[in-house]
C-alpha atoms as a PDB file:
ATOM      1  CA  ILE A   1       0.000   0.000   0.000  1.00  0.00           C
ATOM      2  CA  LEU A   2       1.577   3.289  -1.102  1.00  0.00           C
ATOM      3  CA  LEU A   3       0.677   5.842   1.583  1.00  0.00           C
ATOM      4  CA  THR A   4       2.778   8.712   0.255  1.00  0.00           C
ATOM      5  CA  ARG A   5       5.557   9.032  -2.296  1.00  0.00           C
ATOM      6  CA  ASP A   6       8.147   7.915   0.285  1.00  0.00           C
ATOM      7  CA  VAL A   7       6.073   5.653   2.574  1.00  0.00           C
ATOM      8  CA  ASN A   8       4.838   2.103   1.962  1.00  0.00           C
ATOM      9  CA  MET A   9       2.842  -0.269   4.144  1.00  0.00           C
ATOM     10  CA  ALA A  10       2.343  -4.000   3.575  1.00  0.00           C
ATOM     11  CA  LEU A  11      -0.013  -6.595   5.080  1.00  0.00           C
ATOM     12  CA  THR A  12       0.415 -10.310   4.354  1.00  0.00           C
ATOM     13  CA  PHE A  13      -1.439 -13.522   5.191  1.00  0.00           C
ATOM     14  CA  SER A  14      -0.685 -17.072   4.080  1.00  0.00           C
ATOM     15  CA  ARG A  15      -1.701 -20.654   4.786  1.00  0.00           C
ATOM     16  CA  PHE A  16       0.190 -23.775   3.794  1.00  0.00           C
ATOM     17  CA  VAL A  17      -0.197 -27.486   4.435  1.00  0.00           C
ATOM     18  CA  GLU A  18       2.805 -29.787   4.848  1.00  0.00           C
ATOM     19  CA  LEU A  19       2.344 -33.529   4.269  1.00  0.00           C
ATOM     20  CA  GLY A  20       4.710 -36.398   5.112  1.00  0.00           C
ATOM     21  CA  VAL A  21       5.744 -38.609   2.182  1.00  0.00           C
ATOM     22  CA  SER A  22       5.925 -41.667   4.451  1.00  0.00           C
ATOM     23  CA  ASP A  23       4.967 -42.834   7.944  1.00  0.00           C
ATOM     24  CA  ALA A  24       8.442 -41.849   9.160  1.00  0.00           C
ATOM     25  CA  PHE A  25       7.535 -38.195   8.596  1.00  0.00           C
ATOM     26  CA  ALA A  26       3.918 -38.362   9.751  1.00  0.00           C
ATOM     27  CA  ASN A  27       4.688 -36.163  12.761  1.00  0.00           C
ATOM     28  CA  GLN A  28       5.747 -33.364  10.382  1.00  0.00           C
ATOM     29  CA  GLU A  29       2.267 -32.996   8.872  1.00  0.00           C
ATOM     30  CA  GLN A  30       0.903 -29.583   9.752  1.00  0.00           C
ATOM     31  CA  THR A  31      -1.222 -26.640   8.739  1.00  0.00           C
ATOM     32  CA  THR A  32       0.478 -23.290   9.277  1.00  0.00           C
ATOM     33  CA  TYR A  33      -0.911 -19.775   9.178  1.00  0.00           C
ATOM     34  CA  LYS A  34       1.331 -16.721   8.887  1.00  0.00           C
ATOM     35  CA  ALA A  35       0.507 -13.019   9.104  1.00  0.00           C
ATOM     36  CA  GLY A  36       2.751  -9.996   8.852  1.00  0.00           C
ATOM     37  CA  ALA A  37       2.816  -6.214   8.654  1.00  0.00           C
ATOM     38  CA  ALA A  38       5.562  -3.861   7.509  1.00  0.00           C
ATOM     39  CA  TYR A  39       6.121  -0.113   7.368  1.00  0.00           C
ATOM     40  CA  GLU A  40       8.770   1.242   4.996  1.00  0.00           C
ATOM     41  CA  TYR A  41      10.151   4.767   4.613  1.00  0.00           C
ATOM     42  CA  GLN A  42      12.505   5.923   1.872  1.00  0.00           C
ATOM     43  CA  LEU A  43      14.858   8.452   3.433  1.00  0.00           C
ATOM     44  CA  THR A  44      16.820   8.956   0.206  1.00  0.00           C
ATOM     45  CA  PRO A  45      16.773   7.248  -3.210  1.00  0.00           C
ATOM     46  CA  LEU A  46      19.622   5.052  -1.926  1.00  0.00           C
ATOM     47  CA  PHE A  47      18.461   4.316   1.641  1.00  0.00           C
ATOM     48  CA  VAL A  48      15.265   2.701   2.927  1.00  0.00           C
ATOM     49  CA  THR A  49      14.363   1.913   6.532  1.00  0.00           C
ATOM     50  CA  GLY A  50      11.317   0.661   8.426  1.00  0.00           C
ATOM     51  CA  ALA A  51       9.830  -1.844  10.857  1.00  0.00           C
ATOM     52  CA  ARG A  52       7.984  -5.142  10.515  1.00  0.00           C
ATOM     53  CA  ALA A  53       6.240  -7.729  12.656  1.00  0.00           C
ATOM     54  CA  GLY A  54       5.094 -11.274  12.058  1.00  0.00           C
ATOM     55  CA  TYR A  55       3.009 -14.021  13.678  1.00  0.00           C
ATOM     56  CA  GLN A  56       2.937 -17.767  12.953  1.00  0.00           C
ATOM     57  CA  ASP A  57       0.587 -20.487  14.176  1.00  0.00           C
ATOM     58  CA  GLY A  58       1.194 -24.146  13.319  1.00  0.00           C
ATOM     59  CA  GLU A  59      -1.228 -26.999  14.026  1.00  0.00           C
ATOM     60  CA  TYR A  60       0.233 -30.531  13.851  1.00  0.00           C
ATOM     61  CA  ALA A  61      -1.858 -33.510  12.794  1.00  0.00           C
ATOM     62  CA  SER A  62       0.035 -35.892  15.119  1.00  0.00           C
ATOM     63  CA  ALA A  63      -0.934 -35.986  18.793  1.00  0.00           C
ATOM     64  CA  SER A  64       2.763 -36.471  19.618  1.00  0.00           C
ATOM     65  CA  ARG A  65       3.558 -32.930  18.489  1.00  0.00           C
ATOM     66  CA  GLY A  66       2.531 -29.854  20.403  1.00  0.00           C
ATOM     67  CA  ASN A  67       1.179 -27.003  18.286  1.00  0.00           C
ATOM     68  CA  TYR A  68       3.625 -24.165  17.648  1.00  0.00           C
ATOM     69  CA  SER A  69       3.249 -20.406  17.631  1.00  0.00           C
ATOM     70  CA  SER A  70       5.705 -17.522  17.350  1.00  0.00           C
ATOM     71  CA  TYR A  71       5.905 -13.779  16.911  1.00  0.00           C
ATOM     72  CA  ASN A  72       8.720 -11.403  16.031  1.00  0.00           C
ATOM     73  CA  TYR A  73       9.317  -7.725  15.410  1.00  0.00           C
ATOM     74  CA  GLU A  74      12.271  -6.050  13.704  1.00  0.00           C
ATOM     75  CA  ALA A  75      13.670  -2.754  12.504  1.00  0.00           C
ATOM     76  CA  PHE A  76      15.330  -2.993   9.096  1.00  0.00           C
ATOM     77  CA  ALA A  77      17.315  -0.918   6.621  1.00  0.00           C
ATOM     78  CA  MET A  78      18.570  -1.290   3.046  1.00  0.00           C
ATOM     79  CA  ALA A  79      21.294   0.796   1.411  1.00  0.00           C
ATOM     80  CA  GLU A  80      22.341   0.825  -2.238  1.00  0.00           C
ATOM     81  CA  LEU A  81      26.132   1.021  -2.320  1.00  0.00           C
ATOM     82  CA  SER A  82      26.361   1.260  -6.093  1.00  0.00           C
ATOM     83  CA  PRO A  83      24.153   0.515  -9.116  1.00  0.00           C
ATOM     84  CA  ALA A  84      25.310  -3.107  -8.819  1.00  0.00           C
ATOM     85  CA  SER A  85      25.435  -3.768  -5.056  1.00  0.00           C
ATOM     86  CA  LYS A  86      23.400  -3.309  -1.875  1.00  0.00           C
ATOM     87  CA  VAL A  87      23.397  -4.234   1.797  1.00  0.00           C
ATOM     88  CA  THR A  88      20.409  -5.142   3.974  1.00  0.00           C
ATOM     89  CA  ALA A  89      20.193  -5.503   7.752  1.00  0.00           C
ATOM     90  CA  ALA A  90      17.484  -6.177  10.349  1.00  0.00           C
ATOM     91  CA  LEU A  91      17.465  -6.494  14.136  1.00  0.00           C
ATOM     92  CA  GLY A  92      14.673  -7.391  16.523  1.00  0.00           C
ATOM     93  CA  TYR A  93      13.290  -9.957  18.955  1.00  0.00           C
ATOM     94  CA  GLY A  94      11.311 -13.168  18.539  1.00  0.00           C
ATOM     95  CA  VAL A  95       9.514 -15.651  20.803  1.00  0.00           C
ATOM     96  CA  GLY A  96       8.459 -19.203  19.954  1.00  0.00           C
ATOM     97  CA  THR A  97       6.184 -21.534  21.956  1.00  0.00           C
ATOM     98  CA  ALA A  98       5.631 -25.281  21.565  1.00  0.00           C
ATOM     99  CA  ALA A  99       2.493 -26.419  23.389  1.00  0.00           C
ATOM    100  CA  ALA A 100       2.361 -29.399  25.760  1.00  0.00           C
ATOM    101  CA  THR A 101       1.255 -32.659  24.143  1.00  0.00           C
ATOM    102  CA  ASN A 102      -0.431 -34.202  27.212  1.00  0.00           C
ATOM    103  CA  ALA A 103      -0.993 -33.664  30.929  1.00  0.00           C
ATOM    104  CA  SER A 104       2.458 -35.023  31.864  1.00  0.00           C
ATOM    105  CA  SER A 105       4.431 -32.798  29.465  1.00  0.00           C
ATOM    106  CA  ARG A 106       5.066 -29.070  29.574  1.00  0.00           C
ATOM    107  CA  SER A 107       5.013 -26.285  27.053  1.00  0.00           C
ATOM    108  CA  ILE A 108       8.361 -24.903  25.878  1.00  0.00           C
ATOM    109  CA  GLU A 109       8.979 -21.216  25.243  1.00  0.00           C
ATOM    110  CA  ALA A 110      12.152 -19.558  23.986  1.00  0.00           C
ATOM    111  CA  GLY A 111      12.952 -15.969  23.112  1.00  0.00           C
ATOM    112  CA  SER A 112      15.981 -14.545  21.361  1.00  0.00           C
ATOM    113  CA  ILE A 113      17.369 -11.599  19.451  1.00  0.00           C
ATOM    114  CA  VAL A 114      16.654 -12.189  15.754  1.00  0.00           C
ATOM    115  CA  GLY A 115      17.834 -10.460  12.622  1.00  0.00           C
ATOM    116  CA  MET A 116      19.874 -10.669   9.464  1.00  0.00           C
ATOM    117  CA  ALA A 117      22.600  -9.010   7.435  1.00  0.00           C
ATOM    118  CA  SER A 118      23.232  -9.540   3.733  1.00  0.00           C
ATOM    119  CA  PHE A 119      25.361  -8.259   0.888  1.00  0.00           C
ATOM    120  CA  GLU A 120      24.377  -8.618  -2.772  1.00  0.00           C
ATOM    121  CA  SER A 121      26.340  -7.671  -5.857  1.00  0.00           C
ATOM    122  CA  GLU A 122      25.940  -8.133  -9.619  1.00  0.00           C
ATOM    123  CA  PHE A 123      29.476  -9.204 -10.494  1.00  0.00           C
ATOM    124  CA  TRP A 124      28.697 -10.029 -14.136  1.00  0.00           C
ATOM    125  CA  LYS A 125      25.870  -9.246 -16.529  1.00  0.00           C
ATOM    126  CA  ASP A 126      22.719 -10.976 -15.141  1.00  0.00           C
ATOM    127  CA  ALA A 127      24.829 -12.820 -12.512  1.00  0.00           C
ATOM    128  CA  VAL A 128      24.437 -12.009  -8.802  1.00  0.00           C
ATOM    129  CA  PHE A 129      26.415 -13.093  -5.744  1.00  0.00           C
ATOM    130  CA  GLN A 130      24.762 -12.907  -2.316  1.00  0.00           C
ATOM    131  CA  THR A 131      26.053 -13.747   1.150  1.00  0.00           C
ATOM    132  CA  SER A 132      23.985 -13.504   4.337  1.00  0.00           C
ATOM    133  CA  TYR A 133      23.761 -14.247   8.042  1.00  0.00           C
ATOM    134  CA  THR A 134      20.351 -14.856   9.646  1.00  0.00           C
ATOM    135  CA  ARG A 135      19.309 -15.567  13.234  1.00  0.00           C
ATOM    136  CA  MET A 136      15.777 -16.916  13.640  1.00  0.00           C
ATOM    137  CA  ILE A 137      13.304 -18.667  15.937  1.00  0.00           C
ATOM    138  CA  ARG A 138      11.559 -21.736  14.460  1.00  0.00           C
ATOM    139  CA  PRO A 139       9.775 -24.948  15.513  1.00  0.00           C
ATOM    140  CA  GLY A 140      11.982 -27.925  16.310  1.00  0.00           C
ATOM    141  CA  PHE A 141      12.103 -30.835  13.864  1.00  0.00           C
ATOM    142  CA  SER A 142      10.612 -33.281  16.358  1.00  0.00           C
ATOM    143  CA  TYR A 143       9.886 -31.145  19.461  1.00  0.00           C
ATOM    144  CA  GLY A 144      10.714 -27.898  21.217  1.00  0.00           C
ATOM    145  CA  VAL A 145      11.736 -24.528  19.837  1.00  0.00           C
ATOM    146  CA  GLU A 146      14.916 -23.914  17.859  1.00  0.00           C
ATOM    147  CA  THR A 147      17.160 -20.854  17.652  1.00  0.00           C
ATOM    148  CA  ALA A 148      19.127 -21.099  14.408  1.00  0.00           C
ATOM    149  CA  ASP A 149      22.122 -19.141  13.097  1.00  0.00           C
ATOM    150  CA  ALA A 150      22.361 -19.536   9.323  1.00  0.00           C
ATOM    151  CA  LEU A 151      25.291 -18.586   7.084  1.00  0.00           C
ATOM    152  CA  LYS A 152      24.462 -18.698   3.364  1.00  0.00           C
ATOM    153  CA  ALA A 153      26.181 -17.933   0.068  1.00  0.00           C
ATOM    154  CA  MET A 154      24.464 -17.984  -3.315  1.00  0.00           C
ATOM    155  CA  VAL A 155      25.266 -17.349  -6.973  1.00  0.00           C
ATOM    156  CA  LYS A 156      22.338 -16.759  -9.349  1.00  0.00           C
ATOM    157  CA  TRP A 157      22.193 -16.200 -13.090  1.00  0.00           C
ATOM    158  CA  THR A 158      19.000 -14.912 -14.709  1.00  0.00           C
ATOM    159  CA  ASP A 159      17.973 -14.681 -18.349  1.00  0.00           C
ATOM    160  CA  ARG A 160      14.495 -13.169 -18.657  1.00  0.00           C
ATOM    161  CA  ALA A 161      12.138 -15.765 -17.077  1.00  0.00           C
ATOM    162  CA  ALA A 162      14.774 -18.515 -16.677  1.00  0.00           C
ATOM    163  CA  SER A 163      17.326 -18.736 -13.886  1.00  0.00           C
ATOM    164  CA  ILE A 164      19.986 -20.981 -12.364  1.00  0.00           C
ATOM    165  CA  SER A 165      21.114 -20.635  -8.758  1.00  0.00           C
ATOM    166  CA  LEU A 166      23.619 -22.510  -6.609  1.00  0.00           C
ATOM    167  CA  SER A 167      23.599 -21.973  -2.841  1.00  0.00           C
ATOM    168  CA  SER A 168      25.243 -23.430   0.235  1.00  0.00           C
ATOM    169  CA  GLU A 169      24.090 -22.953   3.838  1.00  0.00           C
ATOM    170  CA  LEU A 170      25.393 -23.864   7.288  1.00  0.00           C
ATOM    171  CA  ASP A 171      22.910 -23.818  10.206  1.00  0.00           C
ATOM    172  CA  THR A 172      24.006 -23.906  13.848  1.00  0.00           C
ATOM    173  CA  VAL A 173      20.975 -24.789  15.956  1.00  0.00           C
ATOM    174  CA  ALA A 174      20.206 -24.696  19.696  1.00  0.00           C
ATOM    175  CA  VAL A 175      17.073 -26.583  20.804  1.00  0.00           C
ATOM    176  CA  ALA A 176      15.162 -25.184  23.794  1.00  0.00           C
ATOM    177  CA  GLY A 177      13.844 -27.878  26.127  1.00  0.00           C
ATOM    178  CA  SER A 178      16.608 -30.361  25.250  1.00  0.00           C
ATOM    179  CA  ASP A 179      19.058 -29.573  28.110  1.00  0.00           C
ATOM    180  CA  GLY A 180      21.360 -27.575  25.849  1.00  0.00           C
ATOM    181  CA  ILE A 181      21.550 -30.117  23.040  1.00  0.00           C
ATOM    182  CA  GLY A 182      21.992 -28.642  19.569  1.00  0.00           C
ATOM    183  CA  TYR A 183      23.188 -29.638  16.122  1.00  0.00           C
ATOM    184  CA  LYS A 184      24.673 -28.333  12.884  1.00  0.00           C
ATOM    185  CA  ASP A 185      23.182 -28.771   9.434  1.00  0.00           C
ATOM    186  CA  TRP A 186      25.010 -28.084   6.150  1.00  0.00           C
ATOM    187  CA  PHE A 187      23.356 -28.365   2.757  1.00  0.00           C
ATOM    188  CA  SER A 188      23.749 -27.119  -0.812  1.00  0.00           C
ATOM    189  CA  THR A 189      21.046 -26.533  -3.398  1.00  0.00           C
ATOM    190  CA  LEU A 190      21.011 -26.272  -7.179  1.00  0.00           C
ATOM    191  CA  GLN A 191      17.833 -24.689  -8.538  1.00  0.00           C
ATOM    192  CA  ILE A 192      16.910 -24.401 -12.223  1.00  0.00           C
ATOM    193  CA  VAL A 193      13.837 -22.441 -13.292  1.00  0.00           C
ATOM    194  CA  TYR A 194      12.677 -22.571 -16.910  1.00  0.00           C
ATOM    195  CA  PRO A 195       9.221 -21.539 -18.176  1.00  0.00           C
ATOM    196  CA  LEU A 196       7.306 -24.289 -19.952  1.00  0.00           C
ATOM    197  CA  ALA A 197       5.014 -21.800 -21.666  1.00  0.00           C
ATOM    198  CA  SER A 198       5.533 -18.258 -22.920  1.00  0.00           C
ATOM    199  CA  ASP A 199       3.614 -15.227 -21.687  1.00  0.00           C
ATOM    200  CA  PHE A 200       0.376 -14.940 -23.635  1.00  0.00           C
ATOM    201  CA  MET A 201      -0.169 -11.312 -22.666  1.00  0.00           C
END
């Protein structure tokens, strides 16, 4: 929503359903609702700042999983360093809660500073390099609430509607409610996007 020439406001709402491909992942089946609001102000043509907030509510199909909810709020800024590069940063606070599954269990709540910092540059025609650090609150894979620190690097090439991207990410995760137990997760992704039909408009 464009409020004035220099001020934007956005409202978002989404719903998605996640299904397990086998019985081993049945406890991952869930319906999640997300809502968010953002306020953005352009101080100069090269610098934008603002604030945003989000809420998430996840309902698991399995009785062994407690439903999950979280909220977060952040201040953010984006600066264009040159016609080919920009930096983005955000800092705020988030809280996640995993509900109790039965009378003998307890709910788990964790709060943490959240945010991100990223650098993006077009180093060649239609080719972009991006590196980022993100700290987030999210539901645990099997229980609890996770605080994750993610380091990511990506190279993406775009030609009109088609694109190829290669990324690699390292997550360092602390799990609330697990007596300090955490884990690390490293993965790389190759994504190819090619339109099967042309634009009829």
